[in-house]
Amino acid sequence: MARKTSADSDSARGFNDLIGIVLAGFSVLLLVALVSYHPRDVSANALPTNPAVRNWIGPFGAWLAYYSFFWVGAAAFVLPGLLFFVGLGYFFDFFAYMRRRGSGPC
């Protein structure tokens, strides 16, 4: 009889590593976009806009920071830390409890 593969196989572990790296990278990108946000970079805030975008990530970072501040407000600075620790939960088994806490009811 064939043996079932475990949930901790190499392919599942590799996919979790990939998700962890992507989340950690996105959290750093979001943090840099929020720190370097300038209100005149986005045309939705004021016209005329800045001649050159001052956000360190570029136009994508300016819009990302704009929508983060628009939807979450000043608490947007918490999102990069939260995303980073969830990414660590996918990357390291030590932080795996973070991954399991959010997946099911209470």
PDB file of N, CA and C in Angstrom:
ATOM      1  N   MET A   1       0.845  -1.160   0.000  1.00  0.00           N
ATOM      2  CA  MET A   1       0.000   0.000   0.000  1.00  0.00           C
ATOM      3  C   MET A   1       0.899   1.235   0.000  1.00  0.00           C
ATOM      4  N   ALA A   2       0.485   2.233  -0.749  1.00  0.00           N
ATOM      5  CA  ALA A   2       1.284   3.448  -0.874  1.00  0.00           C
ATOM      6  C   ALA A   2       1.211   4.256   0.415  1.00  0.00           C
ATOM      7  N   ARG A   3       2.281   4.919   0.673  1.00  0.00           N
ATOM      8  CA  ARG A   3       2.377   5.726   1.882  1.00  0.00           C
ATOM      9  C   ARG A   3       2.009   7.171   1.583  1.00  0.00           C
ATOM     10  N   LYS A   4       1.232   7.794   2.454  1.00  0.00           N
ATOM     11  CA  LYS A   4       0.857   9.191   2.256  1.00  0.00           C
ATOM     12  C   LYS A   4       2.040  10.096   2.582  1.00  0.00           C
ATOM     13  N   THR A   5       2.136  11.171   1.826  1.00  0.00           N
ATOM     14  CA  THR A   5       3.188  12.137   2.112  1.00  0.00           C
ATOM     15  C   THR A   5       2.746  13.008   3.279  1.00  0.00           C
ATOM     16  N   SER A   6       3.688  13.380   4.095  1.00  0.00           N
ATOM     17  CA  SER A   6       3.361  14.206   5.254  1.00  0.00           C
ATOM     18  C   SER A   6       3.207  15.657   4.835  1.00  0.00           C
ATOM     19  N   ALA A   7       2.593  16.432   5.707  1.00  0.00           N
ATOM     20  CA  ALA A   7       2.393  17.855   5.426  1.00  0.00           C
ATOM     21  C   ALA A   7       3.704  18.623   5.497  1.00  0.00           C
ATOM     22  N   ASP A   8       4.709  18.055   6.155  1.00  0.00           N
ATOM     23  CA  ASP A   8       5.996  18.728   6.282  1.00  0.00           C
ATOM     24  C   ASP A   8       6.991  18.255   5.232  1.00  0.00           C
ATOM     25  N   SER A   9       6.512  17.855   4.068  1.00  0.00           N
ATOM     26  CA  SER A   9       7.419  17.404   3.028  1.00  0.00           C
ATOM     27  C   SER A   9       8.245  18.582   2.516  1.00  0.00           C
ATOM     28  N   ASP A  10       9.243  18.254   1.717  1.00  0.00           N
ATOM     29  CA  ASP A  10      10.138  19.300   1.208  1.00  0.00           C
ATOM     30  C   ASP A  10       9.408  20.306   0.326  1.00  0.00           C
ATOM     31  N   SER A  11       8.440  19.864  -0.456  1.00  0.00           N
ATOM     32  CA  SER A  11       7.733  20.800  -1.336  1.00  0.00           C
ATOM     33  C   SER A  11       6.866  21.762  -0.528  1.00  0.00           C
ATOM     34  N   ALA A  12       6.224  21.272   0.540  1.00  0.00           N
ATOM     35  CA  ALA A  12       5.428  22.161   1.386  1.00  0.00           C
ATOM     36  C   ALA A  12       6.330  23.128   2.127  1.00  0.00           C
ATOM     37  N   ARG A  13       7.455  22.659   2.573  1.00  0.00           N
ATOM     38  CA  ARG A  13       8.402  23.517   3.282  1.00  0.00           C
ATOM     39  C   ARG A  13       8.957  24.592   2.347  1.00  0.00           C
ATOM     40  N   GLY A  14       9.241  24.233   1.122  1.00  0.00           N
ATOM     41  CA  GLY A  14       9.746  25.208   0.155  1.00  0.00           C
ATOM     42  C   GLY A  14       8.727  26.276  -0.170  1.00  0.00           C
ATOM     43  N   PHE A  15       7.448  25.882  -0.252  1.00  0.00           N
ATOM     44  CA  PHE A  15       6.398  26.854  -0.514  1.00  0.00           C
ATOM     45  C   PHE A  15       6.228  27.803   0.665  1.00  0.00           C
ATOM     46  N   ASN A  16       6.329  27.290   1.893  1.00  0.00           N
ATOM     47  CA  ASN A  16       6.255  28.148   3.078  1.00  0.00           C
ATOM     48  C   ASN A  16       7.429  29.113   3.128  1.00  0.00           C
ATOM     49  N   ASP A  17       8.607  28.649   2.746  1.00  0.00           N
ATOM     50  CA  ASP A  17       9.766  29.544   2.700  1.00  0.00           C
ATOM     51  C   ASP A  17       9.551  30.664   1.694  1.00  0.00           C
ATOM     52  N   LEU A  18       8.982  30.326   0.552  1.00  0.00           N
ATOM     53  CA  LEU A  18       8.727  31.330  -0.475  1.00  0.00           C
ATOM     54  C   LEU A  18       7.714  32.370   0.006  1.00  0.00           C
ATOM     55  N   ILE A  19       6.649  31.918   0.643  1.00  0.00           N
ATOM     56  CA  ILE A  19       5.652  32.853   1.183  1.00  0.00           C
ATOM     57  C   ILE A  19       6.282  33.749   2.253  1.00  0.00           C
ATOM     58  N   GLY A  20       7.124  33.174   3.106  1.00  0.00           N
ATOM     59  CA  GLY A  20       7.786  33.953   4.147  1.00  0.00           C
ATOM     60  C   GLY A  20       8.694  35.025   3.585  1.00  0.00           C
ATOM     61  N   ILE A  21       9.446  34.683   2.560  1.00  0.00           N
ATOM     62  CA  ILE A  21      10.352  35.658   1.947  1.00  0.00           C
ATOM     63  C   ILE A  21       9.567  36.764   1.257  1.00  0.00           C
ATOM     64  N   VAL A  22       8.483  36.412   0.580  1.00  0.00           N
ATOM     65  CA  VAL A  22       7.666  37.419  -0.106  1.00  0.00           C
ATOM     66  C   VAL A  22       7.018  38.368   0.908  1.00  0.00           C
ATOM     67  N   LEU A  23       6.468  37.828   1.983  1.00  0.00           N
ATOM     68  CA  LEU A  23       5.847  38.686   2.994  1.00  0.00           C
ATOM     69  C   LEU A  23       6.863  39.592   3.680  1.00  0.00           C
ATOM     70  N   ALA A  24       8.031  39.058   4.002  1.00  0.00           N
ATOM     71  CA  ALA A  24       9.059  39.879   4.641  1.00  0.00           C
ATOM     72  C   ALA A  24       9.547  40.970   3.680  1.00  0.00           C
ATOM     73  N   GLY A  25       9.726  40.612   2.423  1.00  0.00           N
ATOM     74  CA  GLY A  25      10.144  41.609   1.431  1.00  0.00           C
ATOM     75  C   GLY A  25       9.109  42.691   1.221  1.00  0.00           C
ATOM     76  N   PHE A  26       7.829  42.296   1.157  1.00  0.00           N
ATOM     77  CA  PHE A  26       6.764  43.280   0.992  1.00  0.00           C
ATOM     78  C   PHE A  26       6.656  44.192   2.209  1.00  0.00           C
ATOM     79  N   SER A  27       6.924  43.636   3.393  1.00  0.00           N
ATOM     80  CA  SER A  27       6.864  44.477   4.596  1.00  0.00           C
ATOM     81  C   SER A  27       7.963  45.533   4.587  1.00  0.00           C
ATOM     82  N   VAL A  28       9.144  45.180   4.130  1.00  0.00           N
ATOM     83  CA  VAL A  28      10.230  46.161   4.032  1.00  0.00           C
ATOM     84  C   VAL A  28       9.895  47.211   2.981  1.00  0.00           C
ATOM     85  N   LEU A  29       9.334  46.770   1.847  1.00  0.00           N
ATOM     86  CA  LEU A  29       8.932  47.695   0.792  1.00  0.00           C
ATOM     87  C   LEU A  29       7.869  48.671   1.295  1.00  0.00           C
ATOM     88  N   LEU A  30       6.893  48.163   2.031  1.00  0.00           N
ATOM     89  CA  LEU A  30       5.838  49.013   2.578  1.00  0.00           C
ATOM     90  C   LEU A  30       6.379  49.994   3.608  1.00  0.00           C
ATOM     91  N   LEU A  31       7.293  49.543   4.448  1.00  0.00           N
ATOM     92  CA  LEU A  31       7.875  50.432   5.446  1.00  0.00           C
ATOM     93  C   LEU A  31       8.639  51.577   4.793  1.00  0.00           C
ATOM     94  N   VAL A  32       9.428  51.275   3.781  1.00  0.00           N
ATOM     95  CA  VAL A  32      10.187  52.319   3.084  1.00  0.00           C
ATOM     96  C   VAL A  32       9.231  53.282   2.366  1.00  0.00           C
ATOM     97  N   ALA A  33       8.168  52.754   1.785  1.00  0.00           N
ATOM     98  CA  ALA A  33       7.192  53.618   1.112  1.00  0.00           C
ATOM     99  C   ALA A  33       6.482  54.527   2.103  1.00  0.00           C
ATOM    100  N   LEU A  34       6.162  54.024   3.284  1.00  0.00           N
ATOM    101  CA  LEU A  34       5.484  54.839   4.289  1.00  0.00           C
ATOM    102  C   LEU A  34       6.404  55.903   4.875  1.00  0.00           C
ATOM    103  N   VAL A  35       7.649  55.534   5.111  1.00  0.00           N
ATOM    104  CA  VAL A  35       8.597  56.489   5.702  1.00  0.00           C
ATOM    105  C   VAL A  35       8.892  57.637   4.736  1.00  0.00           C
ATOM    106  N   SER A  36       8.978  57.331   3.452  1.00  0.00           N
ATOM    107  CA  SER A  36       9.335  58.363   2.478  1.00  0.00           C
ATOM    108  C   SER A  36       8.108  58.978   1.798  1.00  0.00           C
ATOM    109  N   TYR A  37       6.934  58.829   2.387  1.00  0.00           N
ATOM    110  CA  TYR A  37       5.695  59.352   1.790  1.00  0.00           C
ATOM    111  C   TYR A  37       5.680  60.871   1.810  1.00  0.00           C
ATOM    112  N   HIS A  38       5.273  61.441   0.705  1.00  0.00           N
ATOM    113  CA  HIS A  38       5.049  62.883   0.605  1.00  0.00           C
ATOM    114  C   HIS A  38       3.679  63.086  -0.035  1.00  0.00           C
ATOM    115  N   PRO A  39       2.816  63.901   0.577  1.00  0.00           N
ATOM    116  CA  PRO A  39       1.443  64.026   0.073  1.00  0.00           C
ATOM    117  C   PRO A  39       1.326  64.535  -1.356  1.00  0.00           C
ATOM    118  N   ARG A  40       2.273  65.320  -1.814  1.00  0.00           N
ATOM    119  CA  ARG A  40       2.178  65.874  -3.165  1.00  0.00           C
ATOM    120  C   ARG A  40       2.685  64.925  -4.251  1.00  0.00           C
ATOM    121  N   ASP A  41       3.114  63.732  -3.882  1.00  0.00           N
ATOM    122  CA  ASP A  41       3.537  62.759  -4.885  1.00  0.00           C
ATOM    123  C   ASP A  41       2.358  62.161  -5.634  1.00  0.00           C
ATOM    124  N   VAL A  42       1.196  62.133  -5.014  1.00  0.00           N
ATOM    125  CA  VAL A  42       0.014  61.493  -5.595  1.00  0.00           C
ATOM    126  C   VAL A  42      -0.920  62.573  -6.110  1.00  0.00           C
ATOM    127  N   SER A  43      -1.416  62.402  -7.331  1.00  0.00           N
ATOM    128  CA  SER A  43      -2.272  63.424  -7.929  1.00  0.00           C
ATOM    129  C   SER A  43      -3.650  63.481  -7.284  1.00  0.00           C
ATOM    130  N   ALA A  44      -4.015  62.492  -6.472  1.00  0.00           N
ATOM    131  CA  ALA A  44      -5.313  62.517  -5.802  1.00  0.00           C
ATOM    132  C   ALA A  44      -5.333  63.514  -4.649  1.00  0.00           C
ATOM    133  N   ASN A  45      -4.173  63.905  -4.164  1.00  0.00           N
ATOM    134  CA  ASN A  45      -4.100  64.816  -3.021  1.00  0.00           C
ATOM    135  C   ASN A  45      -4.083  66.275  -3.432  1.00  0.00           C
ATOM    136  N   ALA A  46      -3.280  66.629  -4.400  1.00  0.00           N
ATOM    137  CA  ALA A  46      -3.134  68.039  -4.762  1.00  0.00           C
ATOM    138  C   ALA A  46      -2.600  68.152  -6.181  1.00  0.00           C
ATOM    139  N   LEU A  47      -3.001  69.195  -6.827  1.00  0.00           N
ATOM    140  CA  LEU A  47      -2.449  69.512  -8.136  1.00  0.00           C
ATOM    141  C   LEU A  47      -1.841  70.889  -8.043  1.00  0.00           C
ATOM    142  N   PRO A  48      -0.744  71.192  -8.557  1.00  0.00           N
ATOM    143  CA  PRO A  48       0.157  70.314  -9.301  1.00  0.00           C
ATOM    144  C   PRO A  48       0.933  69.393  -8.361  1.00  0.00           C
ATOM    145  N   THR A  49       1.309  68.262  -8.884  1.00  0.00           N
ATOM    146  CA  THR A  49       2.080  67.311  -8.096  1.00  0.00           C
ATOM    147  C   THR A  49       3.550  67.708  -8.104  1.00  0.00           C
ATOM    148  N   ASN A  50       4.349  66.980  -7.351  1.00  0.00           N
ATOM    149  CA  ASN A  50       5.792  67.223  -7.365  1.00  0.00           C
ATOM    150  C   ASN A  50       6.340  66.947  -8.762  1.00  0.00           C
ATOM    151  N   PRO A  51       7.320  67.746  -9.218  1.00  0.00           N
ATOM    152  CA  PRO A  51       7.901  67.480 -10.539  1.00  0.00           C
ATOM    153  C   PRO A  51       8.528  66.083 -10.622  1.00  0.00           C
ATOM    154  N   ALA A  52       9.137  65.672  -9.542  1.00  0.00           N
ATOM    155  CA  ALA A  52       9.707  64.320  -9.469  1.00  0.00           C
ATOM    156  C   ALA A  52       9.169  63.665  -8.201  1.00  0.00           C
ATOM    157  N   VAL A  53       8.852  62.399  -8.299  1.00  0.00           N
ATOM    158  CA  VAL A  53       8.308  61.690  -7.149  1.00  0.00           C
ATOM    159  C   VAL A  53       9.384  61.577  -6.082  1.00  0.00           C
ATOM    160  N   ARG A  54       9.064  61.977  -4.855  1.00  0.00           N
ATOM    161  CA  ARG A  54      10.044  61.958  -3.771  1.00  0.00           C
ATOM    162  C   ARG A  54      10.074  60.640  -3.012  1.00  0.00           C
ATOM    163  N   ASN A  55       9.110  59.765  -3.263  1.00  0.00           N
ATOM    164  CA  ASN A  55       9.075  58.489  -2.571  1.00  0.00           C
ATOM    165  C   ASN A  55      10.248  57.631  -3.051  1.00  0.00           C
ATOM    166  N   TRP A  56      10.898  56.960  -2.119  1.00  0.00           N
ATOM    167  CA  TRP A  56      12.090  56.177  -2.441  1.00  0.00           C
ATOM    168  C   TRP A  56      11.771  54.946  -3.284  1.00  0.00           C
ATOM    169  N   ILE A  57      10.547  54.491  -3.281  1.00  0.00           N
ATOM    170  CA  ILE A  57      10.151  53.328  -4.076  1.00  0.00           C
ATOM    171  C   ILE A  57       9.686  53.768  -5.463  1.00  0.00           C
ATOM    172  N   GLY A  58       9.333  55.024  -5.610  1.00  0.00           N
ATOM    173  CA  GLY A  58       8.867  55.525  -6.893  1.00  0.00           C
ATOM    174  C   GLY A  58       7.365  55.749  -6.874  1.00  0.00           C
ATOM    175  N   PRO A  59       6.757  55.833  -8.056  1.00  0.00           N
ATOM    176  CA  PRO A  59       5.307  56.068  -8.105  1.00  0.00           C
ATOM    177  C   PRO A  59       4.498  54.944  -7.449  1.00  0.00           C
ATOM    178  N   PHE A  60       4.930  53.702  -7.603  1.00  0.00           N
ATOM    179  CA  PHE A  60       4.235  52.597  -6.952  1.00  0.00           C
ATOM    180  C   PHE A  60       4.257  52.755  -5.437  1.00  0.00           C
ATOM    181  N   GLY A  61       5.390  53.147  -4.888  1.00  0.00           N
ATOM    182  CA  GLY A  61       5.499  53.367  -3.449  1.00  0.00           C
ATOM    183  C   GLY A  61       4.662  54.534  -2.975  1.00  0.00           C
ATOM    184  N   ALA A  62       4.563  55.569  -3.802  1.00  0.00           N
ATOM    185  CA  ALA A  62       3.734  56.721  -3.432  1.00  0.00           C
ATOM    186  C   ALA A  62       2.265  56.327  -3.354  1.00  0.00           C
ATOM    187  N   TRP A  63       1.790  55.574  -4.344  1.00  0.00           N
ATOM    188  CA  TRP A  63       0.394  55.133  -4.323  1.00  0.00           C
ATOM    189  C   TRP A  63       0.147  54.104  -3.230  1.00  0.00           C
ATOM    190  N   LEU A  64       1.106  53.228  -2.995  1.00  0.00           N
ATOM    191  CA  LEU A  64       0.972  52.226  -1.932  1.00  0.00           C
ATOM    192  C   LEU A  64       0.852  52.902  -0.572  1.00  0.00           C
ATOM    193  N   ALA A  65       1.690  53.882  -0.317  1.00  0.00           N
ATOM    194  CA  ALA A  65       1.627  54.613   0.947  1.00  0.00           C
ATOM    195  C   ALA A  65       0.352  55.432   1.038  1.00  0.00           C
ATOM    196  N   TYR A  66      -0.066  56.016  -0.062  1.00  0.00           N
ATOM    197  CA  TYR A  66      -1.307  56.806  -0.061  1.00  0.00           C
ATOM    198  C   TYR A  66      -2.505  55.939   0.335  1.00  0.00           C
ATOM    199  N   TYR A  67      -2.646  54.787  -0.312  1.00  0.00           N
ATOM    200  CA  TYR A  67      -3.780  53.920   0.012  1.00  0.00           C
ATOM    201  C   TYR A  67      -3.660  53.312   1.407  1.00  0.00           C
ATOM    202  N   SER A  68      -2.453  53.062   1.862  1.00  0.00           N
ATOM    203  CA  SER A  68      -2.286  52.563   3.229  1.00  0.00           C
ATOM    204  C   SER A  68      -2.741  53.603   4.241  1.00  0.00           C
ATOM    205  N   PHE A  69      -2.336  54.842   4.038  1.00  0.00           N
ATOM    206  CA  PHE A  69      -2.774  55.913   4.939  1.00  0.00           C
ATOM    207  C   PHE A  69      -4.264  56.198   4.780  1.00  0.00           C
ATOM    208  N   PHE A  70      -4.778  56.074   3.568  1.00  0.00           N
ATOM    209  CA  PHE A  70      -6.195  56.358   3.327  1.00  0.00           C
ATOM    210  C   PHE A  70      -7.087  55.340   4.034  1.00  0.00           C
ATOM    211  N   TRP A  71      -6.738  54.062   3.951  1.00  0.00           N
ATOM    212  CA  TRP A  71      -7.587  53.027   4.530  1.00  0.00           C
ATOM    213  C   TRP A  71      -7.327  52.769   6.001  1.00  0.00           C
ATOM    214  N   VAL A  72      -6.080  52.877   6.450  1.00  0.00           N
ATOM    215  CA  VAL A  72      -5.743  52.485   7.822  1.00  0.00           C
ATOM    216  C   VAL A  72      -5.380  53.679   8.687  1.00  0.00           C
ATOM    217  N   GLY A  73      -4.924  54.752   8.088  1.00  0.00           N
ATOM    218  CA  GLY A  73      -4.520  55.926   8.858  1.00  0.00           C
ATOM    219  C   GLY A  73      -3.108  55.760   9.397  1.00  0.00           C
ATOM    220  N   ALA A  74      -2.863  56.361  10.544  1.00  0.00           N
ATOM    221  CA  ALA A  74      -1.519  56.309  11.128  1.00  0.00           C
ATOM    222  C   ALA A  74      -1.141  54.898  11.566  1.00  0.00           C
ATOM    223  N   ALA A  75      -2.138  54.042  11.732  1.00  0.00           N
ATOM    224  CA  ALA A  75      -1.849  52.644  12.089  1.00  0.00           C
ATOM    225  C   ALA A  75      -1.206  51.885  10.933  1.00  0.00           C
ATOM    226  N   ALA A  76      -1.060  52.516   9.782  1.00  0.00           N
ATOM    227  CA  ALA A  76      -0.391  51.872   8.655  1.00  0.00           C
ATOM    228  C   ALA A  76       1.063  51.547   8.984  1.00  0.00           C
ATOM    229  N   PHE A  77       1.637  52.245   9.961  1.00  0.00           N
ATOM    230  CA  PHE A  77       3.006  51.942  10.352  1.00  0.00           C
ATOM    231  C   PHE A  77       3.103  50.622  11.120  1.00  0.00           C
ATOM    232  N   VAL A  78       1.975  50.075  11.550  1.00  0.00           N
ATOM    233  CA  VAL A  78       1.961  48.782  12.232  1.00  0.00           C
ATOM    234  C   VAL A  78       1.978  47.639  11.216  1.00  0.00           C
ATOM    235  N   LEU A  79       1.421  47.874  10.031  1.00  0.00           N
ATOM    236  CA  LEU A  79       1.306  46.828   9.020  1.00  0.00           C
ATOM    237  C   LEU A  79       2.634  46.197   8.614  1.00  0.00           C
ATOM    238  N   PRO A  80       3.706  46.965   8.383  1.00  0.00           N
ATOM    239  CA  PRO A  80       4.963  46.312   8.010  1.00  0.00           C
ATOM    240  C   PRO A  80       5.485  45.359   9.091  1.00  0.00           C
ATOM    241  N   GLY A  81       5.372  45.755  10.343  1.00  0.00           N
ATOM    242  CA  GLY A  81       5.812  44.861  11.420  1.00  0.00           C
ATOM    243  C   GLY A  81       4.970  43.612  11.498  1.00  0.00           C
ATOM    244  N   LEU A  82       3.672  43.759  11.334  1.00  0.00           N
ATOM    245  CA  LEU A  82       2.775  42.615  11.357  1.00  0.00           C
ATOM    246  C   LEU A  82       3.061  41.666  10.196  1.00  0.00           C
ATOM    247  N   LEU A  83       3.217  42.216   9.000  1.00  0.00           N
ATOM    248  CA  LEU A  83       3.539  41.384   7.848  1.00  0.00           C
ATOM    249  C   LEU A  83       4.884  40.695   8.000  1.00  0.00           C
ATOM    250  N   PHE A  84       5.848  41.388   8.604  1.00  0.00           N
ATOM    251  CA  PHE A  84       7.173  40.807   8.783  1.00  0.00           C
ATOM    252  C   PHE A  84       7.118  39.602   9.727  1.00  0.00           C
ATOM    253  N   PHE A  85       6.385  39.731  10.834  1.00  0.00           N
ATOM    254  CA  PHE A  85       6.317  38.615  11.776  1.00  0.00           C
ATOM    255  C   PHE A  85       5.481  37.460  11.243  1.00  0.00           C
ATOM    256  N   VAL A  86       4.474  37.731  10.448  1.00  0.00           N
ATOM    257  CA  VAL A  86       3.737  36.640   9.802  1.00  0.00           C
ATOM    258  C   VAL A  86       4.641  35.948   8.791  1.00  0.00           C
ATOM    259  N   GLY A  87       5.461  36.723   8.075  1.00  0.00           N
ATOM    260  CA  GLY A  87       6.434  36.129   7.168  1.00  0.00           C
ATOM    261  C   GLY A  87       7.447  35.268   7.903  1.00  0.00           C
ATOM    262  N   LEU A  88       7.869  35.715   9.091  1.00  0.00           N
ATOM    263  CA  LEU A  88       8.766  34.878   9.894  1.00  0.00           C
ATOM    264  C   LEU A  88       8.077  33.587  10.329  1.00  0.00           C
ATOM    265  N   GLY A  89       6.768  33.660  10.561  1.00  0.00           N
ATOM    266  CA  GLY A  89       6.008  32.469  10.924  1.00  0.00           C
ATOM    267  C   GLY A  89       6.008  31.440   9.815  1.00  0.00           C
ATOM    268  N   TYR A  90       6.002  31.885   8.575  1.00  0.00           N
ATOM    269  CA  TYR A  90       6.073  30.961   7.453  1.00  0.00           C
ATOM    270  C   TYR A  90       7.500  30.471   7.223  1.00  0.00           C
ATOM    271  N   PHE A  91       8.468  31.290   7.532  1.00  0.00           N
ATOM    272  CA  PHE A  91       9.861  30.956   7.224  1.00  0.00           C
ATOM    273  C   PHE A  91      10.500  30.085   8.299  1.00  0.00           C
ATOM    274  N   PHE A  92      10.251  30.393   9.568  1.00  0.00           N
ATOM    275  CA  PHE A  92      10.854  29.641  10.673  1.00  0.00           C
ATOM    276  C   PHE A  92       9.784  28.856  11.415  1.00  0.00           C
ATOM    277  N   ASP A  93      10.116  27.649  11.820  1.00  0.00           N
ATOM    278  CA  ASP A  93       9.165  26.834  12.575  1.00  0.00           C
ATOM    279  C   ASP A  93       8.954  27.371  13.981  1.00  0.00           C
ATOM    280  N   PHE A  94       9.900  28.123  14.500  1.00  0.00           N
ATOM    281  CA  PHE A  94       9.782  28.676  15.845  1.00  0.00           C
ATOM    282  C   PHE A  94       8.590  29.623  15.957  1.00  0.00           C
ATOM    283  N   PHE A  95       8.290  30.371  14.866  1.00  0.00           N
ATOM    284  CA  PHE A  95       7.186  31.325  14.850  1.00  0.00           C
ATOM    285  C   PHE A  95       5.942  30.752  14.176  1.00  0.00           C
ATOM    286  N   ALA A  96       5.849  29.449  14.039  1.00  0.00           N
ATOM    287  CA  ALA A  96       4.737  28.838  13.306  1.00  0.00           C
ATOM    288  C   ALA A  96       3.405  29.030  14.021  1.00  0.00           C
ATOM    289  N   TYR A  97       3.425  29.294  15.317  1.00  0.00           N
ATOM    290  CA  TYR A  97       2.166  29.508  16.026  1.00  0.00           C
ATOM    291  C   TYR A  97       1.416  30.714  15.482  1.00  0.00           C
ATOM    292  N   MET A  98       2.120  31.692  14.913  1.00  0.00           N
ATOM    293  CA  MET A  98       1.453  32.852  14.315  1.00  0.00           C
ATOM    294  C   MET A  98       0.651  32.437  13.094  1.00  0.00           C
ATOM    295  N   ARG A  99       1.178  31.503  12.336  1.00  0.00           N
ATOM    296  CA  ARG A  99       0.499  31.031  11.151  1.00  0.00           C
ATOM    297  C   ARG A  99      -0.747  30.242  11.532  1.00  0.00           C
ATOM    298  N   ARG A 100      -0.657  29.444  12.583  1.00  0.00           N
ATOM    299  CA  ARG A 100      -1.787  28.620  13.000  1.00  0.00           C
ATOM    300  C   ARG A 100      -2.858  29.424  13.713  1.00  0.00           C
ATOM    301  N   ARG A 101      -2.503  30.499  14.404  1.00  0.00           N
ATOM    302  CA  ARG A 101      -3.493  31.269  15.158  1.00  0.00           C
ATOM    303  C   ARG A 101      -4.523  31.927  14.255  1.00  0.00           C
ATOM    304  N   GLY A 102      -4.108  32.433  13.140  1.00  0.00           N
ATOM    305  CA  GLY A 102      -5.027  33.162  12.274  1.00  0.00           C
ATOM    306  C   GLY A 102      -5.802  32.289  11.323  1.00  0.00           C
ATOM    307  N   SER A 103      -5.493  31.025  11.227  1.00  0.00           N
ATOM    308  CA  SER A 103      -6.109  30.199  10.191  1.00  0.00           C
ATOM    309  C   SER A 103      -7.444  29.584  10.591  1.00  0.00           C
ATOM    310  N   GLY A 104      -7.729  29.473  11.882  1.00  0.00           N
ATOM    311  CA  GLY A 104      -8.957  28.810  12.301  1.00  0.00           C
ATOM    312  C   GLY A 104      -9.748  29.658  13.277  1.00  0.00           C
ATOM    313  N   PRO A 105     -10.948  29.201  13.595  1.00  0.00           N
ATOM    314  CA  PRO A 105     -11.755  29.957  14.558  1.00  0.00           C
ATOM    315  C   PRO A 105     -11.190  29.821  15.964  1.00  0.00           C
ATOM    316  N   CYS A 106     -10.964  30.930  16.586  1.00  0.00           N
ATOM    317  CA  CYS A 106     -10.448  31.047  17.954  1.00  0.00           C
ATOM    318  C   CYS A 106      -9.536  29.935  18.254  1.00  0.00           C
TER     319      CYS A 106
END
